[in-house]
N, C-alpha and C. Protein backbone atom coordinates (compact mmCIF):
# COMPACT_ATOMS: atom_id res chain seq x y z
N MET A 1 -66.11 -26.23 32.91
CA MET A 1 -66.77 -27.27 33.87
C MET A 1 -68.24 -27.11 33.65
N ALA A 2 -69.25 -28.31 33.65
CA ALA A 2 -70.45 -28.43 33.49
C ALA A 2 -71.03 -28.01 34.64
N VAL A 3 -72.12 -27.17 34.81
CA VAL A 3 -72.65 -26.86 35.97
C VAL A 3 -74.33 -27.27 35.59
N ASP A 4 -74.82 -28.21 36.40
CA ASP A 4 -76.25 -28.67 36.20
C ASP A 4 -77.20 -28.00 37.15
N GLU A 5 -78.32 -28.45 37.08
CA GLU A 5 -79.60 -27.60 37.84
C GLU A 5 -79.37 -27.57 39.17
N LEU A 6 -78.86 -28.69 39.88
CA LEU A 6 -78.57 -28.51 41.10
C LEU A 6 -77.55 -27.83 41.83
N ASP A 7 -76.37 -27.67 40.97
CA ASP A 7 -75.28 -26.80 41.01
C ASP A 7 -75.92 -25.35 40.98
N THR A 8 -76.61 -24.90 40.10
CA THR A 8 -77.28 -23.73 39.91
C THR A 8 -78.17 -23.24 40.97
N ARG A 9 -78.82 -24.40 41.73
CA ARG A 9 -79.68 -23.79 42.85
C ARG A 9 -78.55 -23.63 43.86
N ILE A 10 -77.66 -24.41 44.02
CA ILE A 10 -76.72 -24.36 45.17
C ILE A 10 -75.96 -22.79 44.95
N LEU A 11 -75.62 -22.35 43.78
CA LEU A 11 -75.02 -21.22 43.71
C LEU A 11 -75.90 -20.03 43.85
N ARG A 12 -77.17 -20.11 43.30
CA ARG A 12 -77.97 -19.36 43.76
C ARG A 12 -78.34 -18.82 45.10
N LEU A 13 -78.21 -20.05 45.93
CA LEU A 13 -78.50 -19.77 47.27
C LEU A 13 -77.21 -19.19 48.04
N LEU A 14 -76.03 -19.53 47.53
CA LEU A 14 -74.94 -19.11 48.14
C LEU A 14 -74.83 -17.55 48.03
N LEU A 15 -75.08 -17.03 46.65
CA LEU A 15 -75.27 -15.74 46.30
C LEU A 15 -76.44 -15.01 47.18
N GLU A 16 -77.54 -15.54 47.17
CA GLU A 16 -78.73 -14.83 47.95
C GLU A 16 -78.69 -14.85 49.39
N GLN A 17 -77.97 -15.97 49.90
CA GLN A 17 -77.92 -16.06 51.47
C GLN A 17 -76.49 -16.56 51.84
N PRO A 18 -75.48 -15.73 51.60
CA PRO A 18 -74.18 -15.94 51.97
C PRO A 18 -73.80 -16.39 53.45
N ARG A 19 -74.74 -16.03 54.26
CA ARG A 19 -74.17 -16.27 55.59
C ARG A 19 -75.05 -17.55 56.28
N THR A 20 -75.71 -18.18 55.44
CA THR A 20 -76.31 -19.44 56.03
C THR A 20 -75.30 -20.71 56.23
N SER A 21 -75.80 -21.54 57.22
CA SER A 21 -74.91 -22.53 57.22
C SER A 21 -75.05 -23.69 56.33
N VAL A 22 -74.10 -24.74 55.99
CA VAL A 22 -74.38 -25.80 55.25
C VAL A 22 -75.66 -26.48 55.50
N ARG A 23 -75.66 -26.91 56.81
CA ARG A 23 -76.93 -27.68 57.19
C ARG A 23 -78.16 -26.91 56.56
N GLU A 24 -78.26 -25.72 56.76
CA GLU A 24 -79.61 -24.85 56.46
C GLU A 24 -79.55 -24.78 54.98
N TYR A 25 -78.43 -24.75 54.24
CA TYR A 25 -78.68 -24.65 52.69
C TYR A 25 -79.21 -26.24 52.54
N ALA A 26 -78.66 -27.30 53.06
CA ALA A 26 -78.97 -28.58 52.58
C ALA A 26 -80.38 -28.78 52.98
N ARG A 27 -80.95 -28.29 54.11
CA ARG A 27 -82.51 -28.12 54.49
C ARG A 27 -83.48 -27.60 53.31
N ILE A 28 -82.91 -26.20 52.93
CA ILE A 28 -83.57 -25.60 51.78
C ILE A 28 -83.55 -26.33 50.40
N LEU A 29 -82.48 -26.73 50.20
CA LEU A 29 -82.54 -27.47 48.93
C LEU A 29 -83.16 -28.93 48.91
N GLY A 30 -83.41 -29.42 50.16
CA GLY A 30 -84.11 -30.61 50.05
C GLY A 30 -82.99 -31.71 49.98
N ILE A 31 -81.81 -31.58 50.19
CA ILE A 31 -80.92 -32.66 49.71
C ILE A 31 -80.20 -32.93 51.13
N ALA A 32 -79.18 -34.06 50.89
CA ALA A 32 -78.41 -34.45 52.02
C ALA A 32 -77.38 -33.51 52.28
N ARG A 33 -76.82 -33.21 53.48
CA ARG A 33 -75.86 -32.54 53.64
C ARG A 33 -74.45 -32.99 53.08
N GLY A 34 -74.49 -34.37 53.20
CA GLY A 34 -73.19 -34.70 52.39
C GLY A 34 -72.99 -34.47 50.97
N THR A 35 -74.37 -34.73 50.27
CA THR A 35 -74.42 -34.27 49.08
C THR A 35 -74.05 -32.80 48.65
N LEU A 36 -74.62 -32.09 49.58
CA LEU A 36 -74.31 -30.43 49.29
C LEU A 36 -72.69 -30.32 49.39
N GLN A 37 -72.06 -30.99 50.54
CA GLN A 37 -70.74 -30.71 50.91
C GLN A 37 -70.08 -31.26 49.84
N ALA A 38 -70.17 -32.31 49.16
CA ALA A 38 -69.42 -32.91 47.90
C ALA A 38 -69.58 -31.88 46.63
N ARG A 39 -70.78 -31.44 46.45
CA ARG A 39 -71.04 -30.51 45.46
C ARG A 39 -70.13 -29.55 45.60
N LEU A 40 -70.40 -28.80 47.00
CA LEU A 40 -69.57 -27.62 47.16
C LEU A 40 -68.02 -27.65 47.06
N ASP A 41 -67.46 -29.01 47.51
CA ASP A 41 -65.98 -29.32 47.24
C ASP A 41 -65.67 -29.25 45.91
N ARG A 42 -66.57 -29.72 45.14
CA ARG A 42 -66.42 -29.87 43.75
C ARG A 42 -66.22 -28.69 42.90
N LEU A 43 -67.30 -27.85 43.42
CA LEU A 43 -67.25 -26.30 42.66
C LEU A 43 -66.13 -25.37 43.19
N GLU A 44 -65.84 -25.72 44.30
CA GLU A 44 -64.65 -25.09 44.95
C GLU A 44 -63.32 -25.77 44.18
N ARG A 45 -63.09 -26.86 43.86
CA ARG A 45 -61.89 -27.53 43.36
C ARG A 45 -61.90 -27.14 41.72
N ASP A 46 -63.12 -27.00 41.04
CA ASP A 46 -63.22 -26.72 39.86
C ASP A 46 -62.97 -25.07 39.62
N GLY A 47 -63.01 -24.38 40.71
CA GLY A 47 -62.60 -23.00 40.33
C GLY A 47 -64.00 -22.19 40.16
N VAL A 48 -65.09 -22.71 40.36
CA VAL A 48 -66.48 -22.15 40.26
C VAL A 48 -66.41 -21.01 41.46
N ILE A 49 -66.40 -21.69 42.82
CA ILE A 49 -66.51 -20.88 43.80
C ILE A 49 -65.19 -20.56 44.25
N THR A 50 -64.69 -19.24 44.07
CA THR A 50 -63.14 -18.93 44.51
C THR A 50 -62.98 -18.17 45.86
N GLY A 51 -64.25 -18.02 46.67
CA GLY A 51 -63.89 -17.48 47.90
C GLY A 51 -64.99 -17.44 48.58
N THR A 52 -65.00 -17.41 50.19
CA THR A 52 -66.29 -17.09 50.89
C THR A 52 -66.27 -16.06 51.83
N GLY A 53 -65.23 -15.31 51.47
CA GLY A 53 -65.15 -14.03 52.48
C GLY A 53 -66.09 -12.99 52.19
N PRO A 54 -66.16 -12.01 52.86
CA PRO A 54 -67.18 -10.83 52.75
C PRO A 54 -66.87 -10.03 51.83
N THR A 55 -67.81 -9.34 50.93
CA THR A 55 -67.60 -8.38 50.24
C THR A 55 -67.53 -7.09 50.82
N LEU A 56 -66.67 -6.28 50.61
CA LEU A 56 -66.15 -5.18 51.24
C LEU A 56 -66.37 -4.04 50.34
N SER A 57 -66.96 -2.88 50.94
CA SER A 57 -67.25 -1.44 50.07
C SER A 57 -66.00 -0.64 50.49
N PRO A 58 -65.17 -0.27 49.37
CA PRO A 58 -64.19 0.95 49.22
C PRO A 58 -64.86 2.10 49.77
N GLY A 59 -65.87 2.56 49.43
CA GLY A 59 -66.61 3.72 49.89
C GLY A 59 -66.62 3.84 51.32
N ALA A 60 -67.28 2.70 51.97
CA ALA A 60 -67.41 2.46 53.33
C ALA A 60 -66.07 2.56 54.14
N LEU A 61 -65.11 2.20 53.42
CA LEU A 61 -63.59 2.35 53.90
C LEU A 61 -63.01 3.43 53.84
N GLY A 62 -63.75 4.74 53.55
CA GLY A 62 -63.23 5.82 53.20
C GLY A 62 -62.72 6.13 51.70
N HIS A 63 -62.82 5.31 50.86
CA HIS A 63 -62.37 5.27 49.40
C HIS A 63 -63.30 5.42 48.52
N PRO A 64 -64.36 6.61 48.42
CA PRO A 64 -65.38 6.45 47.51
C PRO A 64 -65.26 6.92 46.02
N VAL A 65 -64.05 7.25 45.85
CA VAL A 65 -63.67 7.47 44.35
C VAL A 65 -63.26 6.30 43.69
N LEU A 66 -63.92 5.96 42.40
CA LEU A 66 -63.50 4.80 41.82
C LEU A 66 -63.04 5.42 40.30
N ALA A 67 -61.96 4.94 39.87
CA ALA A 67 -61.27 5.25 38.72
C ALA A 67 -60.75 3.99 37.91
N PHE A 68 -60.98 4.08 36.47
CA PHE A 68 -60.40 3.08 35.73
C PHE A 68 -58.95 3.52 35.06
N VAL A 69 -58.08 2.99 35.46
CA VAL A 69 -56.84 3.72 34.82
C VAL A 69 -56.08 2.64 33.96
N HIS A 70 -55.94 3.29 32.59
CA HIS A 70 -55.34 2.31 31.44
C HIS A 70 -53.72 2.72 31.55
N ILE A 71 -53.08 1.88 31.44
CA ILE A 71 -51.42 2.01 31.72
C ILE A 71 -50.94 1.29 30.38
N GLU A 72 -50.05 2.16 29.67
CA GLU A 72 -49.35 1.85 28.72
C GLU A 72 -47.82 1.54 29.26
N VAL A 73 -47.50 0.20 28.71
CA VAL A 73 -46.15 -0.17 29.27
C VAL A 73 -45.14 -0.25 28.16
N THR A 74 -43.80 -0.13 28.53
CA THR A 74 -42.70 -0.15 27.81
C THR A 74 -42.51 -1.83 27.35
N GLN A 75 -42.60 -1.96 25.83
CA GLN A 75 -42.62 -3.53 25.63
C GLN A 75 -41.35 -4.17 26.29
N GLY A 76 -41.81 -5.45 27.07
CA GLY A 76 -41.30 -6.22 27.50
C GLY A 76 -41.24 -6.12 29.10
N HIS A 77 -41.81 -5.07 29.86
CA HIS A 77 -41.88 -4.87 31.14
C HIS A 77 -43.38 -5.30 31.58
N LEU A 78 -44.23 -5.62 30.81
CA LEU A 78 -45.50 -5.93 31.38
C LEU A 78 -45.57 -6.71 32.67
N ASP A 79 -44.67 -7.81 32.86
CA ASP A 79 -44.60 -8.46 34.12
C ASP A 79 -44.10 -7.52 35.21
N ASP A 80 -43.09 -6.83 34.96
CA ASP A 80 -42.43 -6.07 35.97
C ASP A 80 -43.54 -5.01 36.52
N VAL A 81 -44.05 -4.34 35.40
CA VAL A 81 -45.24 -3.51 35.95
C VAL A 81 -46.20 -3.86 36.68
N GLY A 82 -46.81 -5.10 36.23
CA GLY A 82 -47.74 -5.81 37.00
C GLY A 82 -47.48 -6.15 38.44
N ASP A 83 -46.10 -6.59 38.92
CA ASP A 83 -45.77 -6.89 40.09
C ASP A 83 -45.57 -5.63 40.74
N ALA A 84 -45.22 -4.47 40.23
CA ALA A 84 -45.12 -3.40 40.87
C ALA A 84 -46.38 -2.77 41.50
N LEU A 85 -47.63 -2.83 40.59
CA LEU A 85 -49.05 -2.49 40.87
C LEU A 85 -49.53 -3.31 41.99
N ALA A 86 -49.11 -4.60 42.17
CA ALA A 86 -49.63 -5.22 43.18
C ALA A 86 -49.03 -4.41 44.50
N ALA A 87 -48.08 -3.65 44.57
CA ALA A 87 -47.66 -3.07 46.01
C ALA A 87 -48.29 -1.84 46.18
N VAL A 88 -49.38 -1.32 45.20
CA VAL A 88 -50.18 -0.14 45.47
C VAL A 88 -51.34 -0.38 45.98
N PRO A 89 -51.61 -0.08 47.23
CA PRO A 89 -52.94 -0.56 47.78
C PRO A 89 -54.15 -0.17 47.25
N GLU A 90 -54.36 0.98 46.77
CA GLU A 90 -55.19 1.60 45.99
C GLU A 90 -55.66 0.92 44.79
N ILE A 91 -54.99 0.24 44.15
CA ILE A 91 -55.28 -0.48 43.21
C ILE A 91 -55.99 -1.89 43.64
N VAL A 92 -57.26 -2.16 43.21
CA VAL A 92 -57.99 -3.24 43.58
C VAL A 92 -58.19 -4.38 42.75
N GLU A 93 -57.60 -3.97 41.46
CA GLU A 93 -57.84 -4.99 40.33
C GLU A 93 -57.12 -4.48 39.40
N ALA A 94 -56.42 -5.38 38.57
CA ALA A 94 -55.58 -5.01 37.34
C ALA A 94 -55.76 -6.09 36.43
N HIS A 95 -55.64 -5.97 35.05
CA HIS A 95 -56.00 -6.78 34.14
C HIS A 95 -54.94 -6.35 32.80
N SER A 96 -54.26 -7.45 32.19
CA SER A 96 -53.89 -6.99 30.91
C SER A 96 -54.81 -7.04 30.06
N ILE A 97 -54.67 -6.13 28.94
CA ILE A 97 -55.89 -6.11 27.90
C ILE A 97 -55.26 -5.79 26.54
N THR A 98 -56.29 -5.81 25.75
CA THR A 98 -56.07 -5.63 24.28
C THR A 98 -56.50 -4.16 24.11
N GLY A 99 -56.27 -3.55 22.87
CA GLY A 99 -56.87 -2.21 22.68
C GLY A 99 -55.91 -1.09 23.28
N GLY A 100 -56.58 -0.12 23.72
CA GLY A 100 -55.91 1.16 24.05
C GLY A 100 -55.27 0.90 25.38
N GLY A 101 -54.04 0.31 25.21
CA GLY A 101 -53.25 0.22 26.43
C GLY A 101 -52.83 -1.14 26.71
N ASP A 102 -51.90 -1.36 27.87
CA ASP A 102 -51.64 -2.80 28.17
C ASP A 102 -52.30 -3.40 29.42
N LEU A 103 -52.40 -2.42 30.22
CA LEU A 103 -53.10 -2.90 31.62
C LEU A 103 -54.35 -1.95 31.74
N LEU A 104 -55.30 -2.31 32.49
CA LEU A 104 -56.53 -1.69 32.90
C LEU A 104 -56.53 -1.92 34.43
N THR A 105 -56.47 -1.09 35.27
CA THR A 105 -56.45 -1.17 36.53
C THR A 105 -57.86 -0.64 37.13
N ARG A 106 -58.36 -0.90 38.17
CA ARG A 106 -59.50 -0.39 39.07
C ARG A 106 -58.89 0.39 40.35
N VAL A 107 -58.93 1.45 40.35
CA VAL A 107 -58.40 2.31 41.46
C VAL A 107 -59.32 2.90 42.31
N VAL A 108 -59.12 2.94 43.73
CA VAL A 108 -60.13 3.65 44.63
C VAL A 108 -59.13 4.68 45.19
N ALA A 109 -59.94 5.84 45.72
CA ALA A 109 -59.19 6.96 46.27
C ALA A 109 -60.09 7.53 47.21
N ARG A 110 -59.57 8.25 48.32
CA ARG A 110 -60.36 9.05 49.39
C ARG A 110 -61.21 10.27 48.49
N ASP A 111 -60.45 10.73 47.68
CA ASP A 111 -60.89 12.00 47.17
C ASP A 111 -59.98 12.34 45.58
N ASN A 112 -60.49 13.10 45.01
CA ASN A 112 -59.69 13.33 43.54
C ASN A 112 -58.31 13.73 43.85
N ALA A 113 -57.90 14.48 44.86
CA ALA A 113 -56.51 14.75 44.97
C ALA A 113 -55.62 13.64 45.37
N HIS A 114 -56.19 12.54 46.19
CA HIS A 114 -55.65 11.39 46.48
C HIS A 114 -55.61 10.57 45.06
N LEU A 115 -56.70 10.48 44.42
CA LEU A 115 -56.44 9.73 42.97
C LEU A 115 -55.53 10.61 42.27
N GLU A 116 -55.39 11.72 42.21
CA GLU A 116 -53.89 12.23 41.50
C GLU A 116 -52.95 11.51 42.15
N ASP A 117 -52.82 11.68 43.36
CA ASP A 117 -51.41 10.96 43.80
C ASP A 117 -50.99 9.70 43.54
N VAL A 118 -52.23 8.89 43.48
CA VAL A 118 -51.97 7.35 43.06
C VAL A 118 -51.59 7.44 41.62
N ILE A 119 -52.29 8.31 40.82
CA ILE A 119 -51.91 8.15 39.35
C ILE A 119 -50.44 8.81 39.17
N GLN A 120 -49.99 9.53 40.00
CA GLN A 120 -48.58 10.23 39.81
C GLN A 120 -47.64 9.02 40.22
N LYS A 121 -47.96 8.28 41.36
CA LYS A 121 -47.24 7.16 41.51
C LYS A 121 -47.07 5.97 40.41
N LEU A 122 -48.11 5.73 39.88
CA LEU A 122 -48.25 4.90 38.89
C LEU A 122 -47.21 5.36 37.71
N ILE A 123 -47.38 6.80 37.25
CA ILE A 123 -46.63 7.23 36.19
C ILE A 123 -45.23 7.22 36.47
N SER A 124 -44.78 7.13 37.75
CA SER A 124 -43.32 7.05 38.20
C SER A 124 -42.72 5.63 38.16
N LEU A 125 -43.68 4.68 38.11
CA LEU A 125 -43.09 3.30 38.15
C LEU A 125 -42.50 2.98 36.79
N PRO A 126 -41.02 2.42 36.89
CA PRO A 126 -40.26 2.16 35.76
C PRO A 126 -40.96 1.15 34.78
N GLY A 127 -40.99 1.49 33.58
CA GLY A 127 -41.79 0.62 32.53
C GLY A 127 -43.01 1.19 32.10
N VAL A 128 -43.58 2.18 32.90
CA VAL A 128 -44.87 2.91 32.57
C VAL A 128 -44.50 3.93 31.54
N VAL A 129 -45.25 3.85 30.31
CA VAL A 129 -45.07 5.01 29.46
C VAL A 129 -46.04 6.23 29.57
N ARG A 130 -47.30 5.81 29.89
CA ARG A 130 -48.39 6.66 29.95
C ARG A 130 -49.56 6.31 30.65
N THR A 131 -50.20 6.92 31.28
CA THR A 131 -51.78 6.54 31.66
C THR A 131 -52.96 7.19 30.97
N ARG A 132 -54.26 6.68 31.19
CA ARG A 132 -55.16 7.36 30.64
C ARG A 132 -56.35 6.96 31.84
N THR A 133 -57.21 8.03 32.61
CA THR A 133 -57.69 7.61 33.59
C THR A 133 -59.28 8.08 33.21
N GLU A 134 -60.27 7.24 33.65
CA GLU A 134 -61.60 7.65 33.46
C GLU A 134 -62.13 7.29 34.94
N VAL A 135 -63.12 8.52 35.68
CA VAL A 135 -63.43 8.31 36.84
C VAL A 135 -64.80 7.83 36.58
N ALA A 136 -65.30 7.10 37.44
CA ALA A 136 -66.66 6.45 37.66
C ALA A 136 -67.45 7.52 38.28
N LEU A 137 -68.62 7.83 37.62
CA LEU A 137 -69.66 8.84 38.16
C LEU A 137 -70.41 8.05 39.33
N ARG A 138 -71.16 6.92 38.83
CA ARG A 138 -72.11 6.36 39.73
C ARG A 138 -72.16 4.88 39.20
N GLU A 139 -72.34 4.01 39.96
CA GLU A 139 -72.28 2.45 39.47
C GLU A 139 -73.75 2.27 39.17
N ARG A 140 -73.96 1.72 37.71
CA ARG A 140 -75.29 1.47 37.27
C ARG A 140 -75.58 0.09 37.21
N VAL A 141 -74.73 -0.91 37.39
CA VAL A 141 -75.05 -2.16 37.41
C VAL A 141 -73.97 -2.69 38.52
N PRO A 142 -74.36 -3.05 39.49
CA PRO A 142 -73.28 -3.50 40.68
C PRO A 142 -72.79 -4.91 40.07
N HIS A 143 -71.73 -5.32 40.72
CA HIS A 143 -70.83 -6.45 40.27
C HIS A 143 -71.97 -7.68 40.62
N ARG A 144 -72.30 -8.38 39.85
CA ARG A 144 -73.37 -9.43 39.87
C ARG A 144 -72.96 -10.75 39.27
N LEU A 145 -73.11 -11.94 39.81
CA LEU A 145 -73.07 -13.21 38.93
C LEU A 145 -74.45 -14.05 38.87
N LEU A 146 -75.35 -13.68 39.70
CA LEU A 146 -76.61 -14.40 39.57
C LEU A 146 -77.21 -14.58 38.47
N PRO A 147 -77.41 -13.53 37.47
CA PRO A 147 -78.04 -13.53 36.31
C PRO A 147 -77.18 -14.56 35.49
N LEU A 148 -76.02 -14.63 35.36
CA LEU A 148 -75.17 -15.52 34.87
C LEU A 148 -75.24 -17.12 35.30
N VAL A 149 -75.43 -16.97 36.49
CA VAL A 149 -75.76 -18.55 36.94
C VAL A 149 -76.82 -19.15 36.49
N GLU A 150 -78.11 -18.11 36.60
CA GLU A 150 -79.26 -18.58 36.05
C GLU A 150 -79.46 -18.86 34.70
N SER A 151 -78.80 -18.05 34.03
CA SER A 151 -78.47 -18.28 32.52
C SER A 151 -78.00 -19.55 32.19
N ILE A 152 -76.88 -19.85 32.72
CA ILE A 152 -76.32 -21.13 32.62
C ILE A 152 -77.14 -22.44 33.24
N GLY A 153 -77.88 -22.12 34.20
CA GLY A 153 -78.66 -23.10 34.69
C GLY A 153 -79.69 -23.38 33.55
N ARG A 154 -80.23 -22.53 33.07
CA ARG A 154 -81.35 -22.48 32.03
C ARG A 154 -81.05 -23.44 30.87
N ALA A 155 -79.69 -23.03 30.40
CA ALA A 155 -78.96 -23.69 29.14
C ALA A 155 -78.72 -25.19 29.52
N SER A 156 -78.60 -25.50 30.71
CA SER A 156 -78.31 -26.93 31.10
C SER A 156 -79.48 -27.93 31.02
N HIS A 157 -80.94 -27.26 30.83
CA HIS A 157 -82.09 -28.06 30.97
C HIS A 157 -82.12 -28.96 29.62
């Protein structure tokens, strides 16, 4: 999907001021509210905007430990294991991957002992051959999309 300069300005504003009203966004951007709403609808329909809910902190929810768990799966069981992972609340994200393993999961835990319990749960899932865990020490670059949006906006000129 092509994102033009106005889309880029809209996305930047949504990222920088996520709790502002559509009316205020339109005022800031200097465009009609209907124009803004049509753009927002298109960006949602095209899958550029995928949600409008708050971003939550696992640490503030009592789960400050973050680990990335690589999971090797028995051939032919990727979908089954993926479905089973969805039932583990501490798994906040999972992707099928290439390289060392079949799945990469992002896991949060209360402490290291809880992380071990979660890993043991994963190992016991039918179809899981082995896991490899890497514990994150400190976030160096928080999840962000604004630099990407700005880069795409510059490329559209």
